[in-house]
Amino acid sequence: MKIFIKLLLTRIFMYSFTPYLFIITGISGEVGCMYESYTYLKKNQSKIIPLFNEMAAGVTIPANILLYLTIIVAIVYAPGSPFMYINMMSMKKKAYSDEKKVKAA
């Protein structure tokens, strides 16, 4: 019974708040980060940006290349976000239809 309640609450919270969380925090947050990185890279086009993580230790990339990559990602991301939203809504329908089948059995 505990597992059923846990699954039910997970589905309710995950899929009921999806439209709000996905659009407000997800898409707008990522677009905001892209915009901030674009403005930073635009100011520092002539610099070389070091990548600070364990896998890319010592790797540097010119800021103008990162600027172009940011623009390309933004161009691809904008038209792709409705498809991500539609996919999430289809997952919501599937999860709720499975829940109805479990209750009927």
C-alpha atoms as a PDB file:
ATOM      1  CA  MET A   1       0.000   0.000   0.000  1.00  0.00           C
ATOM      2  CA  LYS A   2       2.874   2.367   0.792  1.00  0.00           C
ATOM      3  CA  ILE A   3       4.379   1.775  -2.641  1.00  0.00           C
ATOM      4  CA  PHE A   4       1.047   2.488  -4.343  1.00  0.00           C
ATOM      5  CA  ILE A   5       0.661   5.782  -2.435  1.00  0.00           C
ATOM      6  CA  LYS A   6       4.242   6.741  -3.229  1.00  0.00           C
ATOM      7  CA  LEU A   7       3.726   6.036  -6.945  1.00  0.00           C
ATOM      8  CA  LEU A   8       0.433   7.912  -6.941  1.00  0.00           C
ATOM      9  CA  LEU A   9       1.952  10.982  -5.288  1.00  0.00           C
ATOM     10  CA  THR A  10       4.942  10.865  -7.615  1.00  0.00           C
ATOM     11  CA  ARG A  11       2.688  10.827 -10.656  1.00  0.00           C
ATOM     12  CA  ILE A  12       0.487  13.587  -9.290  1.00  0.00           C
ATOM     13  CA  PHE A  13       3.364  15.916  -8.504  1.00  0.00           C
ATOM     14  CA  MET A  14       5.451  15.023 -11.541  1.00  0.00           C
ATOM     15  CA  TYR A  15       2.745  15.287 -14.156  1.00  0.00           C
ATOM     16  CA  SER A  16       0.369  17.848 -12.663  1.00  0.00           C
ATOM     17  CA  PHE A  17       2.961  20.569 -12.269  1.00  0.00           C
ATOM     18  CA  THR A  18       4.843  19.689 -15.461  1.00  0.00           C
ATOM     19  CA  PRO A  19       3.457  22.467 -17.679  1.00  0.00           C
ATOM     20  CA  TYR A  20       4.297  25.144 -15.147  1.00  0.00           C
ATOM     21  CA  LEU A  21       7.689  23.859 -14.077  1.00  0.00           C
ATOM     22  CA  PHE A  22       8.752  22.870 -17.565  1.00  0.00           C
ATOM     23  CA  ILE A  23       7.945  26.210 -19.158  1.00  0.00           C
ATOM     24  CA  ILE A  24       8.688  28.594 -16.288  1.00  0.00           C
ATOM     25  CA  THR A  25      11.836  27.106 -14.846  1.00  0.00           C
ATOM     26  CA  GLY A  26      13.040  24.851 -17.639  1.00  0.00           C
ATOM     27  CA  ILE A  27      12.743  26.575 -20.974  1.00  0.00           C
ATOM     28  CA  SER A  28      12.888  30.169 -19.742  1.00  0.00           C
ATOM     29  CA  GLY A  29      15.824  29.380 -17.441  1.00  0.00           C
ATOM     30  CA  GLU A  30      17.824  27.762 -20.211  1.00  0.00           C
ATOM     31  CA  VAL A  31      17.077  30.579 -22.652  1.00  0.00           C
ATOM     32  CA  GLY A  32      18.099  33.056 -19.942  1.00  0.00           C
ATOM     33  CA  CYS A  33      21.394  31.226 -19.431  1.00  0.00           C
ATOM     34  CA  MET A  34      22.028  31.242 -23.178  1.00  0.00           C
ATOM     35  CA  TYR A  35      21.353  34.980 -23.300  1.00  0.00           C
ATOM     36  CA  GLU A  36      23.693  35.673 -20.375  1.00  0.00           C
ATOM     37  CA  SER A  37      26.458  33.579 -21.915  1.00  0.00           C
ATOM     38  CA  TYR A  38      25.904  35.338 -25.250  1.00  0.00           C
ATOM     39  CA  THR A  39      26.294  38.786 -23.668  1.00  0.00           C
ATOM     40  CA  TYR A  40      29.430  37.667 -21.777  1.00  0.00           C
ATOM     41  CA  LEU A  41      31.002  36.103 -24.854  1.00  0.00           C
ATOM     42  CA  LYS A  42      30.093  39.107 -27.004  1.00  0.00           C
ATOM     43  CA  LYS A  43      32.021  41.387 -24.619  1.00  0.00           C
ATOM     44  CA  ASN A  44      35.011  39.026 -24.473  1.00  0.00           C
ATOM     45  CA  GLN A  45      35.261  37.853 -28.094  1.00  0.00           C
ATOM     46  CA  SER A  46      39.006  38.273 -28.287  1.00  0.00           C
ATOM     47  CA  LYS A  47      39.726  36.237 -25.141  1.00  0.00           C
ATOM     48  CA  ILE A  48      40.359  32.538 -24.715  1.00  0.00           C
ATOM     49  CA  ILE A  49      38.015  30.839 -22.247  1.00  0.00           C
ATOM     50  CA  PRO A  50      39.397  27.960 -20.147  1.00  0.00           C
ATOM     51  CA  LEU A  51      37.072  25.042 -19.430  1.00  0.00           C
ATOM     52  CA  PHE A  52      37.098  24.224 -15.723  1.00  0.00           C
ATOM     53  CA  ASN A  53      36.202  20.607 -15.128  1.00  0.00           C
ATOM     54  CA  GLU A  54      38.048  17.363 -14.532  1.00  0.00           C
ATOM     55  CA  MET A  55      37.615  15.939 -18.020  1.00  0.00           C
ATOM     56  CA  ALA A  56      38.697  19.090 -19.857  1.00  0.00           C
ATOM     57  CA  ALA A  57      41.633  20.062 -17.670  1.00  0.00           C
ATOM     58  CA  GLY A  58      43.842  22.466 -19.538  1.00  0.00           C
ATOM     59  CA  VAL A  59      41.492  22.836 -22.514  1.00  0.00           C
ATOM     60  CA  THR A  60      40.840  26.354 -23.759  1.00  0.00           C
ATOM     61  CA  ILE A  61      38.429  27.520 -26.449  1.00  0.00           C
ATOM     62  CA  PRO A  62      38.355  30.915 -28.164  1.00  0.00           C
ATOM     63  CA  ALA A  63      35.352  32.959 -27.055  1.00  0.00           C
ATOM     64  CA  ASN A  64      34.224  33.650 -30.607  1.00  0.00           C
ATOM     65  CA  ILE A  65      33.761  29.898 -31.245  1.00  0.00           C
ATOM     66  CA  LEU A  66      31.724  29.587 -28.051  1.00  0.00           C
ATOM     67  CA  LEU A  67      29.692  32.596 -29.170  1.00  0.00           C
ATOM     68  CA  TYR A  68      28.788  30.898 -32.451  1.00  0.00           C
ATOM     69  CA  LEU A  69      27.985  27.635 -30.649  1.00  0.00           C
ATOM     70  CA  THR A  70      25.651  29.518 -28.297  1.00  0.00           C
ATOM     71  CA  ILE A  71      23.839  31.069 -31.261  1.00  0.00           C
ATOM     72  CA  ILE A  72      23.481  27.682 -32.982  1.00  0.00           C
ATOM     73  CA  VAL A  73      22.140  26.028 -29.823  1.00  0.00           C
ATOM     74  CA  ALA A  74      19.622  28.852 -29.321  1.00  0.00           C
ATOM     75  CA  ILE A  75      18.426  28.568 -32.920  1.00  0.00           C
ATOM     76  CA  VAL A  76      17.919  24.804 -32.582  1.00  0.00           C
ATOM     77  CA  TYR A  77      16.468  25.007 -29.059  1.00  0.00           C
ATOM     78  CA  ALA A  78      13.710  27.520 -29.810  1.00  0.00           C
ATOM     79  CA  PRO A  79      11.875  25.448 -32.445  1.00  0.00           C
ATOM     80  CA  GLY A  80      12.548  22.227 -30.534  1.00  0.00           C
ATOM     81  CA  SER A  81      10.938  23.240 -27.252  1.00  0.00           C
ATOM     82  CA  PRO A  82       7.304  22.675 -28.383  1.00  0.00           C
ATOM     83  CA  PHE A  83       8.230  19.104 -29.314  1.00  0.00           C
ATOM     84  CA  MET A  84       9.697  18.556 -25.831  1.00  0.00           C
ATOM     85  CA  TYR A  85       6.498  19.932 -24.270  1.00  0.00           C
ATOM     86  CA  ILE A  86       4.250  17.743 -26.455  1.00  0.00           C
ATOM     87  CA  ASN A  87       6.348  14.694 -25.562  1.00  0.00           C
ATOM     88  CA  MET A  88       5.975  15.463 -21.862  1.00  0.00           C
ATOM     89  CA  MET A  89       2.199  15.780 -22.211  1.00  0.00           C
ATOM     90  CA  SER A  90       1.995  12.438 -24.049  1.00  0.00           C
ATOM     91  CA  MET A  91       3.973  10.868 -21.197  1.00  0.00           C
ATOM     92  CA  LYS A  92       1.454  12.370 -18.777  1.00  0.00           C
ATOM     93  CA  LYS A  93      -1.464  10.807 -20.676  1.00  0.00           C
ATOM     94  CA  LYS A  94       0.274   7.443 -20.741  1.00  0.00           C
ATOM     95  CA  ALA A  95       1.002   7.556 -17.009  1.00  0.00           C
ATOM     96  CA  TYR A  96      -2.591   8.397 -16.148  1.00  0.00           C
ATOM     97  CA  SER A  97      -3.995   5.740 -18.504  1.00  0.00           C
ATOM     98  CA  ASP A  98      -1.769   3.116 -16.829  1.00  0.00           C
ATOM     99  CA  GLU A  99      -3.046   4.304 -13.455  1.00  0.00           C
ATOM    100  CA  LYS A 100      -6.671   3.787 -14.525  1.00  0.00           C
ATOM    101  CA  LYS A 101      -5.850   0.250 -15.712  1.00  0.00           C
ATOM    102  CA  VAL A 102      -4.310  -0.553 -12.313  1.00  0.00           C
ATOM    103  CA  LYS A 103      -7.400   0.730 -10.466  1.00  0.00           C
ATOM    104  CA  ALA A 104      -9.724  -1.300 -12.708  1.00  0.00           C
ATOM    105  CA  ALA A 105      -7.823  -4.539 -12.094  1.00  0.00           C
END
